[in-house]
């Protein structure tokens, strides 16, 4: 147990366990979205930046929880795990072979700069998302946000040298039409009137077009973050599908998800020997937790500034209902991120991304159950277009 052996990796889960994890992930995302809008609209706690700050600070729990899980369920020692993680990150940041860096100092200053940059880029779309759910229906926000996968595909063509494909381009176009169909396909007063006639209280959002635009901007920035993360921060993956062409690079669905499917080895190792290996998801979870810690200790600074200028008055939740709802947002956020890490190790990023689009359908269903929107043909057709487009993309990539 003095070192992390390649054979002592975290076991892959499969079958019913993977399905249960998948269900937990998609429901956690929908729950986080619905709770965020519930807190800011129904409960009237409109403090978007403070909610963003609290939720993203809670990401700091992802690594301790993952580490605790490994210590309880495997024979890894804390020292071995931390030593391997330190060696891998040192090799990344110093461009040195991890076999000769045992006595090297951890490049703390470089690591802090990387985390600050990652936190800044990752925080912008997230903050815009928290603002958007105040102005636009949850179904709109979820549909447009999930379009980040398609923008990531477009960015990857330029930044990751992914070759254009007619089938993929048609799938991207179909999905884009699907998003527009969900958002604007039934944007007439008739659907709302029909819902009211059935006795449903339809939640009104103050400026849906503004919220949609904010979400679109957030989606594009988040897609760019994914590609940049894959290119510069993620570790190489040794367990990608063998049928996949070498020019294709997987695009992670979130910062927490990238490279969580590998037994990590440094790209600088000249031989095939794996000197250091990490359990699935430990490296991305460490980066995610670092973003959470950075958020906690740095991004509190805008809070008094926003309060002083009257942009967003600082106020803690005034009752237990609001407090519990905020805690629920944090909890579902952590569950979503942690579960996605597991799924990337089991199914790979393509299948996981395809499955994540079910959040659009589930959000549409939850909106119907909560009375936020009425059942429309546009919503059903658009959801089918998006899911079908991702199915085409997944099939094409696996068949290439």
Protein backbone atom coordinates (compact mmCIF):
# COMPACT_ATOMS: atom_id res chain seq x y z
CA UNK A 1 0.00 0.00 0.00
CA UNK A 2 2.97 2.28 -0.23
CA UNK A 3 2.01 3.24 -3.73
CA UNK A 4 -1.03 3.28 -5.93
CA UNK A 5 -0.79 0.21 -8.10
CA UNK A 6 -2.32 -0.01 -11.52
CA UNK A 7 -4.19 -3.12 -10.50
CA UNK A 8 -5.76 -1.55 -7.47
CA UNK A 9 -7.94 0.93 -9.22
CA UNK A 10 -11.48 1.71 -8.21
CA UNK A 11 -13.71 -1.09 -9.53
CA UNK A 12 -15.97 -0.23 -12.43
CA UNK A 13 -19.64 -0.37 -11.55
CA UNK A 14 -22.08 -1.71 -14.07
CA UNK A 15 -25.61 -2.93 -14.58
CA UNK A 16 -28.22 -1.79 -12.11
CA UNK A 17 -25.75 0.30 -10.09
CA UNK A 18 -24.82 2.36 -13.14
CA UNK A 19 -28.48 2.87 -14.01
CA UNK A 20 -29.27 4.00 -10.46
CA UNK A 21 -26.34 6.43 -10.61
CA UNK A 22 -27.55 7.74 -13.96
CA UNK A 23 -31.06 8.31 -12.63
CA UNK A 24 -29.62 10.13 -9.60
CA UNK A 25 -27.55 12.39 -11.86
CA UNK A 26 -30.35 13.50 -14.17
CA UNK A 27 -32.79 13.99 -11.31
CA UNK A 28 -30.16 15.98 -9.39
CA UNK A 29 -29.72 18.37 -12.32
CA UNK A 30 -33.45 18.85 -12.72
CA UNK A 31 -33.81 19.28 -8.97
CA UNK A 32 -31.08 21.90 -8.85
CA UNK A 33 -32.71 23.83 -11.70
CA UNK A 34 -36.21 23.71 -10.26
CA UNK A 35 -35.06 24.57 -6.73
CA UNK A 36 -33.08 27.54 -8.01
CA UNK A 37 -36.09 29.00 -9.78
CA UNK A 38 -38.34 28.15 -6.81
CA UNK A 39 -36.05 30.01 -4.42
CA UNK A 40 -35.72 33.10 -6.60
CA UNK A 41 -39.29 33.37 -7.90
CA UNK A 42 -41.77 31.66 -5.58
CA UNK A 43 -39.89 32.35 -2.35
CA UNK A 44 -38.69 35.74 -3.60
CA UNK A 45 -35.07 35.19 -2.53
CA UNK A 46 -33.51 36.90 -5.54
CA UNK A 47 -29.85 36.88 -4.66
CA UNK A 48 -28.32 35.29 -7.74
CA UNK A 49 -24.70 36.03 -6.94
CA UNK A 50 -24.97 34.84 -3.35
CA UNK A 51 -26.65 31.61 -4.49
CA UNK A 52 -23.93 31.12 -7.07
CA UNK A 53 -21.29 31.74 -4.40
CA UNK A 54 -22.78 29.27 -1.93
CA UNK A 55 -23.41 26.51 -4.46
CA UNK A 56 -20.00 26.75 -6.12
CA UNK A 57 -18.25 26.91 -2.78
CA UNK A 58 -19.93 23.61 -1.92
CA UNK A 59 -17.98 22.02 -4.79
CA UNK A 60 -15.10 21.94 -2.32
CA UNK A 61 -16.80 18.89 -0.81
CA UNK A 62 -16.42 16.79 -3.95
CA UNK A 63 -12.80 15.78 -3.36
CA UNK A 64 -13.10 15.00 0.38
CA UNK A 65 -16.20 12.91 -0.33
CA UNK A 66 -14.46 11.07 -3.15
CA UNK A 67 -11.36 10.53 -1.04
CA UNK A 68 -13.45 9.25 1.86
CA UNK A 69 -15.26 6.86 -0.47
CA UNK A 70 -11.96 5.46 -1.72
CA UNK A 71 -10.60 5.00 1.79
CA UNK A 72 -13.75 3.17 2.88
CA UNK A 73 -14.18 0.92 -0.15
CA UNK A 74 -10.62 0.25 -1.37
CA UNK A 75 -7.18 -0.49 0.06
CA UNK A 76 -5.73 2.85 -1.01
CA UNK A 77 -3.88 4.78 1.65
CA UNK A 78 -4.33 8.56 1.98
CA UNK A 79 -0.60 9.10 1.61
CA UNK A 80 -0.42 7.06 -1.60
CA UNK A 81 -3.38 8.83 -3.16
CA UNK A 82 -2.13 12.30 -2.32
CA UNK A 83 1.41 11.45 -3.39
CA UNK A 84 0.23 10.15 -6.75
CA UNK A 85 -2.00 13.16 -7.27
CA UNK A 86 0.81 15.54 -6.37
CA UNK A 87 3.20 13.81 -8.77
CA UNK A 88 0.73 13.92 -11.65
CA UNK A 89 -0.06 17.61 -11.16
CA UNK A 90 3.63 18.47 -10.75
CA UNK A 91 4.40 16.66 -14.00
CA UNK A 92 1.59 18.56 -15.72
CA UNK A 93 2.72 21.98 -14.58
CA UNK A 94 6.49 21.50 -14.88
CA UNK A 95 6.54 19.36 -18.06
CA UNK A 96 8.77 16.83 -16.36
CA UNK A 97 8.68 13.05 -16.21
CA UNK A 98 6.88 12.01 -12.99
CA UNK A 99 9.47 9.25 -12.53
CA UNK A 100 12.08 11.85 -11.61
CA UNK A 101 10.06 14.39 -9.64
CA UNK A 102 9.75 12.59 -6.32
CA UNK A 103 11.99 15.17 -4.67
CA UNK A 104 10.65 18.13 -6.61
CA UNK A 105 8.64 20.83 -4.90
CA UNK A 106 4.98 21.11 -5.75
CA UNK A 107 4.57 24.11 -8.14
CA UNK A 108 2.11 25.88 -5.85
CA UNK A 109 2.24 29.26 -7.57
CA UNK A 110 1.56 27.79 -11.01
CA UNK A 111 -1.22 25.65 -9.61
CA UNK A 112 -2.88 28.65 -7.98
CA UNK A 113 -2.75 30.60 -11.24
CA UNK A 114 -4.34 27.69 -13.11
CA UNK A 115 -7.12 27.38 -10.52
CA UNK A 116 -7.78 31.12 -10.56
CA UNK A 117 -8.11 31.11 -14.35
CA UNK A 118 -10.33 28.02 -14.31
CA UNK A 119 -12.51 29.53 -11.59
CA UNK A 120 -12.92 32.77 -13.51
CA UNK A 121 -13.88 31.13 -16.81
CA UNK A 122 -16.10 28.54 -15.15
CA UNK A 123 -17.87 31.07 -12.94
CA UNK A 124 -19.08 33.40 -15.70
CA UNK A 125 -21.52 30.99 -17.38
CA UNK A 126 -22.61 29.59 -14.03
CA UNK A 127 -23.45 33.04 -12.69
CA UNK A 128 -25.36 33.86 -15.87
CA UNK A 129 -27.32 30.63 -15.41
CA UNK A 130 -28.36 31.63 -11.88
CA UNK A 131 -29.53 34.98 -13.24
CA UNK A 132 -31.33 33.45 -16.23
CA UNK A 133 -33.61 31.18 -14.18
CA UNK A 134 -35.16 34.31 -12.68
CA UNK A 135 -36.23 35.68 -16.07
CA UNK A 136 -36.93 32.63 -18.24
CA UNK A 137 -38.89 29.39 -17.79
CA UNK A 138 -36.87 26.44 -16.54
CA UNK A 139 -37.57 24.50 -19.73
CA UNK A 140 -36.05 27.29 -21.84
CA UNK A 141 -32.99 27.58 -19.62
CA UNK A 142 -32.38 23.83 -19.57
CA UNK A 143 -32.79 23.43 -23.33
CA UNK A 144 -30.53 26.34 -24.26
CA UNK A 145 -27.94 25.44 -21.62
CA UNK A 146 -27.69 21.89 -22.94
CA UNK A 147 -26.89 23.34 -26.35
CA UNK A 148 -23.38 23.89 -24.94
CA UNK A 149 -22.54 20.39 -26.16
CA UNK A 150 -23.12 21.51 -29.74
CA UNK A 151 -21.15 24.71 -29.31
CA UNK A 152 -18.39 22.57 -27.82
CA UNK A 153 -18.44 20.50 -30.99
CA UNK A 154 -18.06 23.64 -33.08
CA UNK A 155 -15.19 24.92 -30.91
CA UNK A 156 -13.49 21.53 -31.02
CA UNK A 157 -13.36 21.69 -34.82
CA UNK A 158 -11.16 24.76 -34.53
CA UNK A 159 -9.26 24.13 -31.30
CA UNK A 160 -8.98 20.33 -31.24
CA UNK A 161 -8.72 19.75 -35.00
CA UNK A 162 -11.90 17.68 -35.14
CA UNK A 163 -12.79 17.06 -38.78
CA UNK A 164 -16.13 18.22 -40.14
CA UNK A 165 -18.66 15.50 -40.94
CA UNK A 166 -21.88 15.96 -42.91
CA UNK A 167 -23.77 13.66 -40.54
CA UNK A 168 -22.49 15.49 -37.47
CA UNK A 169 -23.22 18.88 -39.00
CA UNK A 170 -26.79 17.80 -39.80
CA UNK A 171 -27.19 16.48 -36.26
CA UNK A 172 -25.97 19.78 -34.81
CA UNK A 173 -28.40 21.66 -37.04
CA UNK A 174 -31.27 19.36 -36.04
CA UNK A 175 -30.52 19.85 -32.35
CA UNK A 176 -30.32 23.62 -32.78
CA UNK A 177 -33.75 23.59 -34.42
CA UNK A 178 -34.95 21.43 -31.54
CA UNK A 179 -33.81 24.01 -29.01
CA UNK A 180 -35.58 26.78 -30.92
CA UNK A 181 -38.70 24.63 -31.15
CA UNK A 182 -38.82 24.11 -27.39
CA UNK A 183 -38.18 27.77 -26.65
CA UNK A 184 -40.25 29.48 -29.32
CA UNK A 185 -42.36 26.78 -31.01
CA UNK A 186 -45.43 27.55 -28.88
CA UNK A 187 -44.66 31.08 -27.73
CA UNK A 188 -48.22 32.23 -28.38
CA UNK A 189 -50.75 33.19 -25.72
CA UNK A 190 -52.90 30.17 -26.62
CA UNK A 191 -50.83 27.70 -24.62
CA UNK A 192 -50.99 29.83 -21.50
CA UNK A 193 -54.70 30.45 -21.98
CA UNK A 194 -55.33 26.75 -22.34
CA UNK A 195 -53.38 26.01 -19.19
CA UNK A 196 -55.37 28.58 -17.24
CA UNK A 197 -58.60 27.13 -18.62
CA UNK A 198 -57.61 23.75 -17.18
CA UNK A 199 -57.14 25.32 -13.78
CA UNK A 200 -53.33 25.38 -13.88
CA UNK A 201 -51.57 28.34 -12.32
CA UNK A 202 -48.87 29.20 -14.81
CA UNK A 203 -45.78 30.77 -13.26
CA UNK A 204 -44.93 34.02 -15.02
CA UNK A 205 -41.33 34.96 -15.71
CA UNK A 206 -40.56 38.69 -16.00
CA UNK A 207 -38.45 38.73 -19.19
CA UNK A 208 -38.17 35.36 -20.94
CA UNK A 209 -36.35 36.72 -24.01
CA UNK A 210 -33.72 38.36 -21.81
CA UNK A 211 -33.33 35.15 -19.84
CA UNK A 212 -32.98 33.13 -23.04
CA UNK A 213 -30.26 35.45 -24.35
CA UNK A 214 -28.34 35.26 -21.08
CA UNK A 215 -28.56 31.48 -21.14
CA UNK A 216 -27.33 31.37 -24.74
CA UNK A 217 -24.29 33.48 -23.86
CA UNK A 218 -23.62 31.26 -20.85
CA UNK A 219 -23.92 28.15 -23.00
CA UNK A 220 -21.36 29.42 -25.53
CA UNK A 221 -18.86 30.43 -22.82
CA UNK A 222 -19.30 27.12 -21.03
CA UNK A 223 -18.71 25.23 -24.27
CA UNK A 224 -15.48 27.15 -24.80
CA UNK A 225 -14.46 26.34 -21.23
CA UNK A 226 -15.03 22.62 -21.86
CA UNK A 227 -12.80 22.58 -24.93
CA UNK A 228 -10.07 24.64 -23.27
CA UNK A 229 -10.22 22.38 -20.22
CA UNK A 230 -9.87 19.29 -22.39
CA UNK A 231 -6.97 20.79 -24.31
CA UNK A 232 -4.95 22.30 -21.47
CA UNK A 233 -6.06 20.87 -18.10
CA UNK A 234 -7.40 17.35 -18.56
CA UNK A 235 -5.11 14.37 -18.27
CA UNK A 236 -4.82 11.92 -21.17
CA UNK A 237 -7.38 9.14 -21.29
CA UNK A 238 -6.22 5.56 -21.80
CA UNK A 239 -9.68 4.03 -21.82
CA UNK A 240 -11.43 5.75 -24.71
CA UNK A 241 -13.38 3.57 -27.19
CA UNK A 242 -10.99 1.70 -29.43
CA UNK A 243 -13.21 2.27 -32.46
CA UNK A 244 -12.85 5.99 -32.22
CA UNK A 245 -10.55 7.77 -34.67
CA UNK A 246 -7.45 9.38 -33.28
CA UNK A 247 -8.46 12.84 -34.47
CA UNK A 248 -11.54 12.88 -32.27
CA UNK A 249 -11.24 14.29 -28.77
CA UNK A 250 -13.97 13.71 -26.24
CA UNK A 251 -15.72 16.86 -25.06
CA UNK A 252 -16.62 16.70 -21.35
CA UNK A 253 -20.12 17.92 -20.36
CA UNK A 254 -18.76 19.86 -17.38
CA UNK A 255 -15.54 20.84 -15.76
CA UNK A 256 -15.96 18.17 -13.18
CA UNK A 257 -16.41 15.51 -15.83
CA UNK A 258 -13.39 15.88 -18.08
CA UNK A 259 -10.88 12.98 -18.03
CA UNK A 260 -12.82 11.01 -15.40
CA UNK A 261 -12.57 7.79 -17.31
CA UNK A 262 -8.94 6.95 -17.07
CA UNK A 263 -6.15 5.41 -15.12
CA UNK A 264 -4.13 8.56 -15.37
CA UNK A 265 -0.56 8.52 -16.60
CA UNK A 266 1.61 11.44 -17.52
CA UNK A 267 1.90 12.30 -21.21
CA UNK A 268 5.60 12.85 -20.64
CA UNK A 269 6.35 9.21 -19.88
CA UNK A 270 8.44 7.93 -22.73
CA UNK A 271 7.71 4.23 -22.27
CA UNK A 272 4.49 2.33 -21.88
CA UNK A 273 5.12 1.90 -18.19
CA UNK A 274 2.52 3.59 -16.01
CA UNK A 275 4.55 5.00 -13.17
CA UNK A 276 1.65 6.68 -11.41
CA UNK A 277 -2.03 5.88 -11.69
CA UNK A 278 -5.07 7.49 -10.12
CA UNK A 279 -8.54 6.13 -9.40
CA UNK A 280 -11.32 7.20 -11.70
CA UNK A 281 -12.29 10.83 -11.27
CA UNK A 282 -9.83 11.73 -8.54
CA UNK A 283 -7.91 14.27 -10.61
CA UNK A 284 -10.96 16.14 -12.02
CA UNK A 285 -12.64 16.01 -8.62
CA UNK A 286 -9.54 17.56 -7.09
CA UNK A 287 -9.66 20.37 -9.63
CA UNK A 288 -13.37 20.81 -9.02
CA UNK A 289 -12.83 20.99 -5.27
CA UNK A 290 -10.02 23.48 -5.84
CA UNK A 291 -12.42 25.65 -7.83
CA UNK A 292 -14.82 25.42 -4.89
CA UNK A 293 -12.14 26.49 -2.42
CA UNK A 294 -11.08 29.35 -4.71
CA UNK A 295 -14.69 30.46 -4.96
CA UNK A 296 -15.06 30.36 -1.19
CA UNK A 297 -11.99 32.46 -0.44
CA UNK A 298 -11.97 34.83 -3.44
CA UNK A 299 -15.44 35.40 -4.82
CA UNK A 300 -16.88 36.68 -1.55
CA UNK A 301 -15.24 40.00 -2.43
CA UNK A 302 -18.02 41.13 -4.84
CA UNK A 303 -20.68 40.54 -2.17
CA UNK A 304 -20.05 43.75 -0.16
CA UNK A 305 -19.46 45.69 -3.40
CA UNK A 306 -22.80 44.59 -4.83
CA UNK A 307 -24.47 45.40 -1.52
CA UNK A 308 -22.87 48.84 -1.25
CA UNK A 309 -23.98 49.94 -4.73
CA UNK A 310 -27.45 48.45 -4.33
CA UNK A 311 -27.02 45.95 -7.16
CA UNK A 312 -27.74 42.96 -4.94
CA UNK A 313 -28.49 43.47 -1.28
CA UNK A 314 -26.82 40.89 0.92
CA UNK A 315 -29.32 38.96 2.99
CA UNK A 316 -29.28 35.48 4.43
CA UNK A 317 -32.37 33.27 4.04
CA UNK A 318 -35.02 34.63 6.38
CA UNK A 319 -36.85 31.37 7.07
CA UNK A 320 -36.20 27.65 7.26
CA UNK A 321 -38.02 26.92 4.01
CA UNK A 322 -35.67 29.14 2.03
CA UNK A 323 -32.66 27.85 3.94
CA UNK A 324 -33.65 24.25 3.24
CA UNK A 325 -34.21 25.01 -0.44
CA UNK A 326 -30.76 26.61 -0.74
CA UNK A 327 -29.24 23.60 1.00
CA UNK A 328 -31.08 21.43 -1.51
CA UNK A 329 -29.52 23.36 -4.39
CA UNK A 330 -26.06 22.75 -2.95
CA UNK A 331 -26.77 19.08 -2.33
CA UNK A 332 -28.14 18.40 -5.80
CA UNK A 333 -25.20 20.25 -7.31
CA UNK A 334 -22.70 18.02 -5.51
CA UNK A 335 -24.69 14.87 -6.38
CA UNK A 336 -24.82 15.85 -10.03
CA UNK A 337 -21.08 16.46 -10.27
CA UNK A 338 -20.06 13.37 -8.29
CA UNK A 339 -22.45 11.10 -10.16
CA UNK A 340 -21.26 12.34 -13.50
CA UNK A 341 -17.71 11.40 -12.51
CA UNK A 342 -18.80 7.82 -11.96
CA UNK A 343 -20.75 7.63 -15.20
CA UNK A 344 -17.82 8.90 -17.23
CA UNK A 345 -15.76 6.01 -15.90
CA UNK A 346 -18.50 3.47 -16.68
CA UNK A 347 -20.03 4.61 -19.96
CA UNK A 348 -17.60 7.21 -21.32
CA UNK A 349 -18.38 10.84 -22.13
CA UNK A 350 -20.37 10.28 -25.34
CA UNK A 351 -23.05 8.02 -23.88
CA UNK A 352 -23.15 10.10 -20.71
CA UNK A 353 -23.67 13.29 -22.72
CA UNK A 354 -26.44 11.67 -24.71
CA UNK A 355 -28.12 10.55 -21.52
CA UNK A 356 -27.75 13.95 -19.91
CA UNK A 357 -30.09 15.39 -22.52
CA UNK A 358 -32.89 13.56 -20.73
CA UNK A 359 -32.72 16.47 -18.30
CA UNK A 360 -34.52 18.51 -20.96
CA UNK A 361 -37.35 16.00 -21.08
CA UNK A 362 -37.48 15.63 -17.30
CA UNK A 363 -37.46 19.40 -16.83
CA UNK A 364 -40.31 19.70 -19.30
CA UNK A 365 -42.24 17.05 -17.35
CA UNK A 366 -41.48 18.74 -14.03
CA UNK A 367 -42.62 22.08 -15.45
CA UNK A 368 -45.89 20.42 -16.46
CA UNK A 369 -46.33 18.89 -13.01
CA UNK A 370 -45.56 22.18 -11.27
CA UNK A 371 -47.80 24.15 -13.63
CA UNK A 372 -44.99 26.32 -14.98
CA UNK A 373 -45.88 25.55 -18.59
CA UNK A 374 -48.62 23.82 -20.52
CA UNK A 375 -48.12 20.69 -22.60
CA UNK A 376 -47.27 21.74 -26.15
CA UNK A 377 -46.47 19.95 -29.37
CA UNK A 378 -43.43 22.20 -29.78
CA UNK A 379 -41.95 21.08 -26.48
CA UNK A 380 -42.39 17.41 -27.29
CA UNK A 381 -41.11 17.80 -30.85
CA UNK A 382 -38.10 19.86 -29.79
CA UNK A 383 -37.11 17.40 -27.07
CA UNK A 384 -37.33 14.58 -29.60
CA UNK A 385 -35.14 16.50 -32.04
CA UNK A 386 -32.43 17.09 -29.44
CA UNK A 387 -32.35 13.52 -28.18
CA UNK A 388 -32.44 12.19 -31.74
CA UNK A 389 -29.60 14.48 -32.81
CA UNK A 390 -27.38 13.31 -29.98
CA UNK A 391 -28.23 9.71 -30.78
CA UNK A 392 -27.08 10.31 -34.36
CA UNK A 393 -23.86 11.95 -33.12
CA UNK A 394 -23.14 9.08 -30.74
CA UNK A 395 -23.83 6.45 -33.41
CA UNK A 396 -21.65 8.25 -35.95
CA UNK A 397 -18.75 8.64 -33.53
CA UNK A 398 -18.82 5.01 -32.44
CA UNK A 399 -19.08 3.80 -36.05
CA UNK A 400 -16.22 5.97 -37.32
